[in-house]
């Protein structure tokens, strides 16, 4: 069971395969979200990679402190 998640978000220009798969025009940037889920022993148990057109996204994070 996952107890912690780490996400990294980067922006870049898409490659040809991503342009076709996402059906976006050349010159439109994409966001790449990499999410790693860790178990209670801090071992990675799942990796998710998501690529999305930047102009269509809103990223929201809620973080509980304490």
PDB file of N, CA and C in Angstrom:
ATOM      1  N   UNK A   1       0.837  -1.185   0.000  1.00  0.00           N
ATOM      2  CA  UNK A   1       0.000   0.000   0.000  1.00  0.00           C
ATOM      3  C   UNK A   1       0.879   1.244   0.000  1.00  0.00           C
ATOM      4  N   UNK A   2       0.537   2.214  -0.828  1.00  0.00           N
ATOM      5  CA  UNK A   2       1.291   3.449  -0.889  1.00  0.00           C
ATOM      6  C   UNK A   2       0.984   4.378   0.263  1.00  0.00           C
ATOM      7  N   UNK A   3       2.034   5.014   0.772  1.00  0.00           N
ATOM      8  CA  UNK A   3       1.854   5.962   1.871  1.00  0.00           C
ATOM      9  C   UNK A   3       2.424   7.347   1.555  1.00  0.00           C
ATOM     10  N   UNK A   4       3.192   7.441   0.465  1.00  0.00           N
ATOM     11  CA  UNK A   4       3.800   8.724   0.096  1.00  0.00           C
ATOM     12  C   UNK A   4       3.926   8.776  -1.417  1.00  0.00           C
ATOM     13  N   UNK A   5       3.724   9.954  -1.969  1.00  0.00           N
ATOM     14  CA  UNK A   5       3.850  10.161  -3.411  1.00  0.00           C
ATOM     15  C   UNK A   5       4.783  11.331  -3.655  1.00  0.00           C
ATOM     16  N   UNK A   6       5.649  11.184  -4.663  1.00  0.00           N
ATOM     17  CA  UNK A   6       6.503  12.296  -5.106  1.00  0.00           C
ATOM     18  C   UNK A   6       6.167  12.571  -6.567  1.00  0.00           C
ATOM     19  N   UNK A   7       5.902  13.836  -6.877  1.00  0.00           N
ATOM     20  CA  UNK A   7       5.600  14.211  -8.249  1.00  0.00           C
ATOM     21  C   UNK A   7       6.589  15.260  -8.726  1.00  0.00           C
ATOM     22  N   UNK A   8       7.021  15.112  -9.965  1.00  0.00           N
ATOM     23  CA  UNK A   8       7.852  16.104 -10.637  1.00  0.00           C
ATOM     24  C   UNK A   8       7.120  16.500 -11.908  1.00  0.00           C
ATOM     25  N   UNK A   9       7.037  17.806 -12.174  1.00  0.00           N
ATOM     26  CA  UNK A   9       6.386  18.307 -13.381  1.00  0.00           C
ATOM     27  C   UNK A   9       7.406  19.131 -14.152  1.00  0.00           C
ATOM     28  N   UNK A  10       7.539  18.819 -15.442  1.00  0.00           N
ATOM     29  CA  UNK A  10       8.431  19.571 -16.314  1.00  0.00           C
ATOM     30  C   UNK A  10       7.648  20.005 -17.554  1.00  0.00           C
ATOM     31  N   UNK A  11       8.106  21.070 -18.176  1.00  0.00           N
ATOM     32  CA  UNK A  11       7.513  21.552 -19.429  1.00  0.00           C
ATOM     33  C   UNK A  11       8.560  21.415 -20.523  1.00  0.00           C
ATOM     34  N   UNK A  12       8.101  21.040 -21.716  1.00  0.00           N
ATOM     35  CA  UNK A  12       9.018  20.894 -22.850  1.00  0.00           C
ATOM     36  C   UNK A  12       8.208  20.849 -24.131  1.00  0.00           C
ATOM     37  N   UNK A  13       8.916  20.844 -25.234  1.00  0.00           N
ATOM     38  CA  UNK A  13       8.278  20.705 -26.536  1.00  0.00           C
ATOM     39  C   UNK A  13       8.098  19.214 -26.822  1.00  0.00           C
ATOM     40  N   UNK A  14       6.964  18.814 -27.411  1.00  0.00           N
ATOM     41  CA  UNK A  14       6.702  17.407 -27.661  1.00  0.00           C
ATOM     42  C   UNK A  14       7.496  16.865 -28.848  1.00  0.00           C
ATOM     43  N   UNK A  15       7.696  15.543 -28.833  1.00  0.00           N
ATOM     44  CA  UNK A  15       8.299  14.904 -30.001  1.00  0.00           C
ATOM     45  C   UNK A  15       7.190  14.574 -31.003  1.00  0.00           C
ATOM     46  N   UNK A  16       7.562  14.056 -32.155  1.00  0.00           N
ATOM     47  CA  UNK A  16       6.589  13.784 -33.228  1.00  0.00           C
ATOM     48  C   UNK A  16       5.516  12.783 -32.790  1.00  0.00           C
ATOM     49  N   UNK A  17       5.913  11.755 -32.061  1.00  0.00           N
ATOM     50  CA  UNK A  17       4.955  10.745 -31.593  1.00  0.00           C
ATOM     51  C   UNK A  17       3.923  11.359 -30.647  1.00  0.00           C
ATOM     52  N   UNK A  18       4.369  12.231 -29.761  1.00  0.00           N
ATOM     53  CA  UNK A  18       3.450  12.889 -28.826  1.00  0.00           C
ATOM     54  C   UNK A  18       2.517  13.854 -29.554  1.00  0.00           C
ATOM     55  N   UNK A  19       3.040  14.573 -30.548  1.00  0.00           N
ATOM     56  CA  UNK A  19       2.181  15.465 -31.337  1.00  0.00           C
ATOM     57  C   UNK A  19       1.030  14.695 -31.955  1.00  0.00           C
ATOM     58  N   UNK A  20       1.338  13.528 -32.519  1.00  0.00           N
ATOM     59  CA  UNK A  20       0.301  12.722 -33.167  1.00  0.00           C
ATOM     60  C   UNK A  20      -0.662  12.123 -32.143  1.00  0.00           C
ATOM     61  N   UNK A  21      -0.135  11.563 -31.069  1.00  0.00           N
ATOM     62  CA  UNK A  21      -0.984  10.901 -30.061  1.00  0.00           C
ATOM     63  C   UNK A  21      -1.913  11.891 -29.366  1.00  0.00           C
ATOM     64  N   UNK A  22      -1.396  13.090 -29.099  1.00  0.00           N
ATOM     65  CA  UNK A  22      -2.196  14.098 -28.391  1.00  0.00           C
ATOM     66  C   UNK A  22      -2.990  14.980 -29.349  1.00  0.00           C
ATOM     67  N   UNK A  23      -2.729  14.836 -30.635  1.00  0.00           N
ATOM     68  CA  UNK A  23      -3.430  15.612 -31.668  1.00  0.00           C
ATOM     69  C   UNK A  23      -3.332  17.114 -31.393  1.00  0.00           C
ATOM     70  N   UNK A  24      -2.096  17.572 -31.198  1.00  0.00           N
ATOM     71  CA  UNK A  24      -1.846  18.992 -30.945  1.00  0.00           C
ATOM     72  C   UNK A  24      -0.956  19.546 -32.048  1.00  0.00           C
ATOM     73  N   UNK A  25      -1.022  20.865 -32.280  1.00  0.00           N
ATOM     74  CA  UNK A  25      -0.200  21.459 -33.331  1.00  0.00           C
ATOM     75  C   UNK A  25       1.266  21.550 -32.932  1.00  0.00           C
ATOM     76  N   UNK A  26       2.113  21.534 -33.933  1.00  0.00           N
ATOM     77  CA  UNK A  26       3.548  21.712 -33.702  1.00  0.00           C
ATOM     78  C   UNK A  26       3.776  23.058 -33.023  1.00  0.00           C
ATOM     79  N   UNK A  27       4.691  23.108 -32.089  1.00  0.00           N
ATOM     80  CA  UNK A  27       4.982  24.350 -31.385  1.00  0.00           C
ATOM     81  C   UNK A  27       4.239  24.517 -30.079  1.00  0.00           C
ATOM     82  N   UNK A  28       3.335  23.590 -29.785  1.00  0.00           N
ATOM     83  CA  UNK A  28       2.603  23.661 -28.508  1.00  0.00           C
ATOM     84  C   UNK A  28       3.331  22.829 -27.454  1.00  0.00           C
ATOM     85  N   UNK A  29       3.681  23.420 -26.308  1.00  0.00           N
ATOM     86  CA  UNK A  29       4.405  22.672 -25.283  1.00  0.00           C
ATOM     87  C   UNK A  29       3.524  21.651 -24.565  1.00  0.00           C
ATOM     88  N   UNK A  30       4.185  20.705 -23.936  1.00  0.00           N
ATOM     89  CA  UNK A  30       3.498  19.708 -23.124  1.00  0.00           C
ATOM     90  C   UNK A  30       4.068  19.737 -21.711  1.00  0.00           C
ATOM     91  N   UNK A  31       3.281  19.239 -20.790  1.00  0.00           N
ATOM     92  CA  UNK A  31       3.741  19.010 -19.427  1.00  0.00           C
ATOM     93  C   UNK A  31       3.979  17.520 -19.261  1.00  0.00           C
ATOM     94  N   UNK A  32       5.024  17.168 -18.554  1.00  0.00           N
ATOM     95  CA  UNK A  32       5.315  15.770 -18.252  1.00  0.00           C
ATOM     96  C   UNK A  32       5.290  15.630 -16.736  1.00  0.00           C
ATOM     97  N   UNK A  33       4.355  14.827 -16.236  1.00  0.00           N
ATOM     98  CA  UNK A  33       4.231  14.588 -14.803  1.00  0.00           C
ATOM     99  C   UNK A  33       4.742  13.185 -14.510  1.00  0.00           C
ATOM    100  N   UNK A  34       5.696  13.096 -13.612  1.00  0.00           N
ATOM    101  CA  UNK A  34       6.238  11.815 -13.165  1.00  0.00           C
ATOM    102  C   UNK A  34       5.841  11.639 -11.706  1.00  0.00           C
ATOM    103  N   UNK A  35       5.109  10.573 -11.419  1.00  0.00           N
ATOM    104  CA  UNK A  35       4.638  10.305 -10.052  1.00  0.00           C
ATOM    105  C   UNK A  35       5.208   8.966  -9.579  1.00  0.00           C
ATOM    106  N   UNK A  36       5.872   9.002  -8.429  1.00  0.00           N
ATOM    107  CA  UNK A  36       6.391   7.780  -7.812  1.00  0.00           C
ATOM    108  C   UNK A  36       5.671   7.583  -6.483  1.00  0.00           C
ATOM    109  N   UNK A  37       5.088   6.405  -6.289  1.00  0.00           N
ATOM    110  CA  UNK A  37       4.407   6.066  -5.037  1.00  0.00           C
ATOM    111  C   UNK A  37       5.319   5.164  -4.230  1.00  0.00           C
ATOM    112  N   UNK A  38       5.441   5.479  -2.935  1.00  0.00           N
ATOM    113  CA  UNK A  38       6.323   4.737  -2.033  1.00  0.00           C
ATOM    114  C   UNK A  38       5.508   4.007  -0.968  1.00  0.00           C
ATOM    115  N   UNK A  39       6.033   2.856  -0.490  1.00  0.00           N
ATOM    116  CA  UNK A  39       5.368   2.115   0.583  1.00  0.00           C
ATOM    117  C   UNK A  39       5.880   2.583   1.942  1.00  0.00           C
ATOM    118  N   UNK A  40       5.437   1.912   2.996  1.00  0.00           N
ATOM    119  CA  UNK A  40       5.812   2.296   4.372  1.00  0.00           C
ATOM    120  C   UNK A  40       7.314   2.217   4.626  1.00  0.00           C
ATOM    121  N   UNK A  41       8.012   1.386   3.869  1.00  0.00           N
ATOM    122  CA  UNK A  41       9.469   1.249   4.022  1.00  0.00           C
ATOM    123  C   UNK A  41      10.231   2.165   3.070  1.00  0.00           C
ATOM    124  N   UNK A  42       9.520   3.117   2.477  1.00  0.00           N
ATOM    125  CA  UNK A  42      10.080   4.099   1.557  1.00  0.00           C
ATOM    126  C   UNK A  42      10.636   3.466   0.281  1.00  0.00           C
ATOM    127  N   UNK A  43      10.056   2.339  -0.117  1.00  0.00           N
ATOM    128  CA  UNK A  43      10.431   1.688  -1.372  1.00  0.00           C
ATOM    129  C   UNK A  43       9.446   2.110  -2.460  1.00  0.00           C
ATOM    130  N   UNK A  44       9.942   2.417  -3.657  1.00  0.00           N
ATOM    131  CA  UNK A  44       9.025   2.761  -4.753  1.00  0.00           C
ATOM    132  C   UNK A  44       8.222   1.533  -5.174  1.00  0.00           C
ATOM    133  N   UNK A  45       6.898   1.696  -5.279  1.00  0.00           N
ATOM    134  CA  UNK A  45       6.054   0.557  -5.659  1.00  0.00           C
ATOM    135  C   UNK A  45       5.264   0.824  -6.940  1.00  0.00           C
ATOM    136  N   UNK A  46       5.243   2.080  -7.388  1.00  0.00           N
ATOM    137  CA  UNK A  46       4.514   2.399  -8.626  1.00  0.00           C
ATOM    138  C   UNK A  46       5.104   3.649  -9.248  1.00  0.00           C
ATOM    139  N   UNK A  47       5.195   3.625 -10.580  1.00  0.00           N
ATOM    140  CA  UNK A  47       5.655   4.785 -11.342  1.00  0.00           C
ATOM    141  C   UNK A  47       4.612   5.107 -12.395  1.00  0.00           C
ATOM    142  N   UNK A  48       4.180   6.362 -12.437  1.00  0.00           N
ATOM    143  CA  UNK A  48       3.224   6.824 -13.438  1.00  0.00           C
ATOM    144  C   UNK A  48       3.861   7.976 -14.212  1.00  0.00           C
ATOM    145  N   UNK A  49       3.779   7.905 -15.541  1.00  0.00           N
ATOM    146  CA  UNK A  49       4.268   8.971 -16.410  1.00  0.00           C
ATOM    147  C   UNK A  49       3.095   9.490 -17.219  1.00  0.00           C
ATOM    148  N   UNK A  50       2.873  10.801 -17.179  1.00  0.00           N
ATOM    149  CA  UNK A  50       1.765  11.402 -17.911  1.00  0.00           C
ATOM    150  C   UNK A  50       2.286  12.577 -18.731  1.00  0.00           C
ATOM    151  N   UNK A  51       1.901  12.622 -19.988  1.00  0.00           N
ATOM    152  CA  UNK A  51       2.264  13.734 -20.860  1.00  0.00           C
ATOM    153  C   UNK A  51       0.968  14.369 -21.338  1.00  0.00           C
ATOM    154  N   UNK A  52       0.865  15.697 -21.208  1.00  0.00           N
ATOM    155  CA  UNK A  52      -0.390  16.380 -21.514  1.00  0.00           C
ATOM    156  C   UNK A  52      -0.117  17.735 -22.148  1.00  0.00           C
ATOM    157  N   UNK A  53      -1.008  18.195 -23.036  1.00  0.00           N
ATOM    158  CA  UNK A  53      -0.857  19.535 -23.599  1.00  0.00           C
ATOM    159  C   UNK A  53      -0.904  20.576 -22.477  1.00  0.00           C
ATOM    160  N   UNK A  54       0.069  21.456 -22.444  1.00  0.00           N
ATOM    161  CA  UNK A  54       0.178  22.417 -21.336  1.00  0.00           C
ATOM    162  C   UNK A  54      -1.009  23.362 -21.256  1.00  0.00           C
ATOM    163  N   UNK A  55      -1.527  23.814 -22.378  1.00  0.00           N
ATOM    164  CA  UNK A  55      -2.580  24.839 -22.362  1.00  0.00           C
ATOM    165  C   UNK A  55      -3.905  24.310 -21.830  1.00  0.00           C
ATOM    166  N   UNK A  56      -4.080  23.021 -21.767  1.00  0.00           N
ATOM    167  CA  UNK A  56      -5.353  22.446 -21.324  1.00  0.00           C
ATOM    168  C   UNK A  56      -5.326  21.988 -19.865  1.00  0.00           C
ATOM    169  N   UNK A  57      -4.245  22.262 -19.154  1.00  0.00           N
ATOM    170  CA  UNK A  57      -4.090  21.681 -17.823  1.00  0.00           C
ATOM    171  C   UNK A  57      -4.120  22.722 -16.716  1.00  0.00           C
ATOM    172  N   UNK A  58      -4.573  22.248 -15.587  1.00  0.00           N
ATOM    173  CA  UNK A  58      -4.480  22.996 -14.335  1.00  0.00           C
ATOM    174  C   UNK A  58      -4.007  21.995 -13.303  1.00  0.00           C
ATOM    175  N   UNK A  59      -2.885  22.260 -12.689  1.00  0.00           N
ATOM    176  CA  UNK A  59      -2.360  21.373 -11.658  1.00  0.00           C
ATOM    177  C   UNK A  59      -2.661  21.998 -10.303  1.00  0.00           C
ATOM    178  N   UNK A  60      -3.269  21.214  -9.433  1.00  0.00           N
ATOM    179  CA  UNK A  60      -3.611  21.688  -8.094  1.00  0.00           C
ATOM    180  C   UNK A  60      -3.069  20.676  -7.095  1.00  0.00           C
ATOM    181  N   UNK A  61      -2.435  21.193  -6.057  1.00  0.00           N
ATOM    182  CA  UNK A  61      -1.885  20.334  -5.023  1.00  0.00           C
ATOM    183  C   UNK A  61      -2.416  20.774  -3.670  1.00  0.00           C
ATOM    184  N   UNK A  62      -2.862  19.824  -2.902  1.00  0.00           N
ATOM    185  CA  UNK A  62      -3.241  20.076  -1.517  1.00  0.00           C
ATOM    186  C   UNK A  62      -2.323  19.245  -0.657  1.00  0.00           C
ATOM    187  N   UNK A  63      -1.665  19.905   0.285  1.00  0.00           N
ATOM    188  CA  UNK A  63      -0.655  19.240   1.107  1.00  0.00           C
ATOM    189  C   UNK A  63      -1.027  19.419   2.573  1.00  0.00           C
ATOM    190  N   UNK A  64      -1.164  18.313   3.275  1.00  0.00           N
ATOM    191  CA  UNK A  64      -1.443  18.366   4.698  1.00  0.00           C
ATOM    192  C   UNK A  64      -0.121  18.478   5.447  1.00  0.00           C
ATOM    193  N   UNK A  65      -0.021  19.471   6.309  1.00  0.00           N
ATOM    194  CA  UNK A  65       1.190  19.706   7.104  1.00  0.00           C
ATOM    195  C   UNK A  65       0.898  19.324   8.554  1.00  0.00           C
ATOM    196  N   UNK A  66       1.752  18.477   9.116  1.00  0.00           N
ATOM    197  CA  UNK A  66       1.606  18.105  10.526  1.00  0.00           C
ATOM    198  C   UNK A  66       0.665  16.983  10.814  1.00  0.00           C
TER     199      UNK A  66
END
